[in-house]
Amino acid sequence: MRTAALIKRAGVTRDTLRYYEREGLITPPVRLINGYRDYPEQVLAEIRFIRLGQSVGLPLQIIRRAIPYLIAPQPGCEELREVLEAQMRVLDEQMDKLRSAKARLSKWLLANRAAAMAG
């Protein structure tokens, strides 16, 4: 698959695609005689996997380690499960902090509204 088709189907920019390639996150393309890159179809799944991992807060170094499981799934893989469970804990902590911040903001807003009505 040529670069233009891949970035359109994957919904990424050319710079993002080149970055993934430089970082070894995707299967390298074959170079055609004219110098154009020809990506295997599996790269689309790899990019979607990378984007999914990023969307749930996984850092690229963790995603890189998980890509082989995308290519050759290992049901019940303990390493992958541990990474996912650790990320769940991170997200739980972030959600707790956000709930606390929201509660503080709510109190400040109520106090501000009360002061405006009294004044």
C-alpha atoms as a PDB file:
ATOM      1  CA  MET A   1       0.000   0.000   0.000  1.00  0.00           C
ATOM      2  CA  ARG A   2       1.441   3.373  -0.955  1.00  0.00           C
ATOM      3  CA  THR A   3       1.981   6.126   1.615  1.00  0.00           C
ATOM      4  CA  ALA A   4      -0.926   8.338   0.535  1.00  0.00           C
ATOM      5  CA  ALA A   5      -3.389   5.459   0.707  1.00  0.00           C
ATOM      6  CA  LEU A   6      -2.095   4.346   4.109  1.00  0.00           C
ATOM      7  CA  ILE A   7      -2.273   7.770   5.747  1.00  0.00           C
ATOM      8  CA  LYS A   8      -5.779   8.258   4.392  1.00  0.00           C
ATOM      9  CA  ARG A   9      -7.006   4.855   5.608  1.00  0.00           C
ATOM     10  CA  ALA A  10      -5.197   5.095   8.963  1.00  0.00           C
ATOM     11  CA  GLY A  11      -6.129   8.717   9.627  1.00  0.00           C
ATOM     12  CA  VAL A  12      -2.582   9.793  10.461  1.00  0.00           C
ATOM     13  CA  THR A  13      -0.297  12.433   9.043  1.00  0.00           C
ATOM     14  CA  ARG A  14       2.743  11.713   6.911  1.00  0.00           C
ATOM     15  CA  ASP A  15       4.929  12.926   9.802  1.00  0.00           C
ATOM     16  CA  THR A  16       3.260  10.514  12.211  1.00  0.00           C
ATOM     17  CA  LEU A  17       3.717   7.646   9.774  1.00  0.00           C
ATOM     18  CA  ARG A  18       7.414   8.487   9.334  1.00  0.00           C
ATOM     19  CA  TYR A  19       7.825   8.737  13.110  1.00  0.00           C
ATOM     20  CA  TYR A  20       6.279   5.301  13.644  1.00  0.00           C
ATOM     21  CA  GLU A  21       8.576   3.959  10.949  1.00  0.00           C
ATOM     22  CA  ARG A  22      11.717   5.575  12.443  1.00  0.00           C
ATOM     23  CA  GLU A  23      10.822   4.281  15.906  1.00  0.00           C
ATOM     24  CA  GLY A  24      10.338   0.731  14.643  1.00  0.00           C
ATOM     25  CA  LEU A  25       6.682   0.677  15.694  1.00  0.00           C
ATOM     26  CA  ILE A  26       5.418  -0.566  12.333  1.00  0.00           C
ATOM     27  CA  THR A  27       6.559  -3.167   9.850  1.00  0.00           C
ATOM     28  CA  PRO A  28       9.029  -1.422   7.536  1.00  0.00           C
ATOM     29  CA  PRO A  29       7.849  -0.813   3.986  1.00  0.00           C
ATOM     30  CA  VAL A  30       9.425  -2.295   0.915  1.00  0.00           C
ATOM     31  CA  ARG A  31      11.078   0.249  -1.357  1.00  0.00           C
ATOM     32  CA  LEU A  32       9.904   0.058  -4.953  1.00  0.00           C
ATOM     33  CA  ILE A  33      12.247   0.638  -7.879  1.00  0.00           C
ATOM     34  CA  ASN A  34      11.065   4.250  -8.086  1.00  0.00           C
ATOM     35  CA  GLY A  35      11.929   4.755  -4.388  1.00  0.00           C
ATOM     36  CA  TYR A  36       8.313   4.858  -3.205  1.00  0.00           C
ATOM     37  CA  ARG A  37       7.413   3.052  -0.020  1.00  0.00           C
ATOM     38  CA  ASP A  38       5.055   0.076  -0.290  1.00  0.00           C
ATOM     39  CA  TYR A  39       3.579  -0.845   3.091  1.00  0.00           C
ATOM     40  CA  PRO A  40       2.158  -4.304   3.794  1.00  0.00           C
ATOM     41  CA  GLU A  41      -1.548  -4.399   4.664  1.00  0.00           C
ATOM     42  CA  GLN A  42      -0.755  -5.374   8.280  1.00  0.00           C
ATOM     43  CA  VAL A  43       0.679  -1.877   8.896  1.00  0.00           C
ATOM     44  CA  LEU A  44      -2.854  -0.510   8.920  1.00  0.00           C
ATOM     45  CA  ALA A  45      -3.722  -2.811  11.848  1.00  0.00           C
ATOM     46  CA  GLU A  46      -0.461  -1.868  13.580  1.00  0.00           C
ATOM     47  CA  ILE A  47      -1.223   1.846  13.293  1.00  0.00           C
ATOM     48  CA  ARG A  48      -4.755   1.342  14.573  1.00  0.00           C
ATOM     49  CA  PHE A  49      -3.349  -0.641  17.502  1.00  0.00           C
ATOM     50  CA  ILE A  50      -0.832   2.127  18.262  1.00  0.00           C
ATOM     51  CA  ARG A  51      -3.563   4.768  18.163  1.00  0.00           C
ATOM     52  CA  LEU A  52      -5.826   2.675  20.388  1.00  0.00           C
ATOM     53  CA  GLY A  53      -3.016   2.212  22.899  1.00  0.00           C
ATOM     54  CA  GLN A  54      -2.295   5.928  22.890  1.00  0.00           C
ATOM     55  CA  SER A  55      -5.981   6.718  23.360  1.00  0.00           C
ATOM     56  CA  VAL A  56      -5.985   4.839  26.686  1.00  0.00           C
ATOM     57  CA  GLY A  57      -2.756   6.455  27.824  1.00  0.00           C
ATOM     58  CA  LEU A  58      -0.238   3.734  27.073  1.00  0.00           C
ATOM     59  CA  PRO A  59       3.228   5.133  26.372  1.00  0.00           C
ATOM     60  CA  LEU A  60       4.862   4.193  23.072  1.00  0.00           C
ATOM     61  CA  GLN A  61       7.514   2.043  24.782  1.00  0.00           C
ATOM     62  CA  ILE A  62       4.736  -0.174  26.155  1.00  0.00           C
ATOM     63  CA  ILE A  63       2.859  -0.188  22.857  1.00  0.00           C
ATOM     64  CA  ARG A  64       6.064  -1.214  21.074  1.00  0.00           C
ATOM     65  CA  ARG A  65       6.373  -4.231  23.365  1.00  0.00           C
ATOM     66  CA  ALA A  66       2.732  -5.181  22.742  1.00  0.00           C
ATOM     67  CA  ILE A  67       2.806  -5.044  18.925  1.00  0.00           C
ATOM     68  CA  PRO A  68       4.164  -8.588  18.554  1.00  0.00           C
ATOM     69  CA  TYR A  69       1.048  -9.814  20.375  1.00  0.00           C
ATOM     70  CA  LEU A  70      -1.052  -8.098  17.724  1.00  0.00           C
ATOM     71  CA  ILE A  71       0.850  -9.915  14.995  1.00  0.00           C
ATOM     72  CA  ALA A  72       0.907 -13.280  16.809  1.00  0.00           C
ATOM     73  CA  PRO A  73      -1.745 -13.206  19.584  1.00  0.00           C
ATOM     74  CA  GLN A  74      -1.052 -15.238  22.684  1.00  0.00           C
ATOM     75  CA  PRO A  75      -4.323 -15.827  24.529  1.00  0.00           C
ATOM     76  CA  GLY A  76      -3.998 -15.140  28.236  1.00  0.00           C
ATOM     77  CA  CYS A  77      -0.552 -13.563  27.865  1.00  0.00           C
ATOM     78  CA  GLU A  78       0.562 -12.695  31.388  1.00  0.00           C
ATOM     79  CA  GLU A  79       2.908  -9.854  30.358  1.00  0.00           C
ATOM     80  CA  LEU A  80       0.235  -8.084  28.327  1.00  0.00           C
ATOM     81  CA  ARG A  81      -2.342  -8.577  31.089  1.00  0.00           C
ATOM     82  CA  GLU A  82       0.040  -7.072  33.669  1.00  0.00           C
ATOM     83  CA  VAL A  83       0.656  -4.023  31.465  1.00  0.00           C
ATOM     84  CA  LEU A  84      -3.072  -3.522  30.946  1.00  0.00           C
ATOM     85  CA  GLU A  85      -3.827  -3.930  34.652  1.00  0.00           C
ATOM     86  CA  ALA A  86      -1.097  -1.416  35.519  1.00  0.00           C
ATOM     87  CA  GLN A  87      -2.569   1.066  33.067  1.00  0.00           C
ATOM     88  CA  MET A  88      -6.008   0.543  34.601  1.00  0.00           C
ATOM     89  CA  ARG A  89      -4.525   1.484  37.986  1.00  0.00           C
ATOM     90  CA  VAL A  90      -2.943   4.603  36.485  1.00  0.00           C
ATOM     91  CA  LEU A  91      -6.267   5.627  34.947  1.00  0.00           C
ATOM     92  CA  ASP A  92      -8.093   4.986  38.240  1.00  0.00           C
ATOM     93  CA  GLU A  93      -5.612   7.274  40.032  1.00  0.00           C
ATOM     94  CA  GLN A  94      -6.035   9.970  37.392  1.00  0.00           C
ATOM     95  CA  MET A  95      -9.817   9.724  37.650  1.00  0.00           C
ATOM     96  CA  ASP A  96      -9.649  10.047  41.434  1.00  0.00           C
ATOM     97  CA  LYS A  97      -7.520  13.184  41.095  1.00  0.00           C
ATOM     98  CA  LEU A  98      -9.901  14.634  38.513  1.00  0.00           C
ATOM     99  CA  ARG A  99     -12.930  13.915  40.723  1.00  0.00           C
ATOM    100  CA  SER A 100     -11.218  15.670  43.609  1.00  0.00           C
ATOM    101  CA  ALA A 101     -10.320  18.669  41.434  1.00  0.00           C
ATOM    102  CA  LYS A 102     -13.886  18.832  40.145  1.00  0.00           C
ATOM    103  CA  ALA A 103     -15.262  18.800  43.687  1.00  0.00           C
ATOM    104  CA  ARG A 104     -12.931  21.674  44.682  1.00  0.00           C
ATOM    105  CA  LEU A 105     -13.922  23.675  41.609  1.00  0.00           C
ATOM    106  CA  SER A 106     -17.577  23.067  42.355  1.00  0.00           C
ATOM    107  CA  LYS A 107     -17.146  24.407  45.897  1.00  0.00           C
ATOM    108  CA  TRP A 108     -15.329  27.505  44.613  1.00  0.00           C
ATOM    109  CA  LEU A 109     -17.998  28.104  42.025  1.00  0.00           C
ATOM    110  CA  LEU A 110     -20.774  27.798  44.605  1.00  0.00           C
ATOM    111  CA  ALA A 111     -18.925  30.198  46.920  1.00  0.00           C
ATOM    112  CA  ASN A 112     -18.430  32.638  44.040  1.00  0.00           C
ATOM    113  CA  ARG A 113     -22.111  32.498  43.113  1.00  0.00           C
ATOM    114  CA  ALA A 114     -23.159  32.979  46.763  1.00  0.00           C
ATOM    115  CA  ALA A 115     -20.850  35.993  47.090  1.00  0.00           C
ATOM    116  CA  ALA A 116     -22.249  37.482  43.880  1.00  0.00           C
ATOM    117  CA  MET A 117     -25.837  37.085  45.124  1.00  0.00           C
ATOM    118  CA  ALA A 118     -25.017  38.561  48.541  1.00  0.00           C
ATOM    119  CA  GLY A 119     -23.120  41.484  47.140  1.00  0.00           C
END
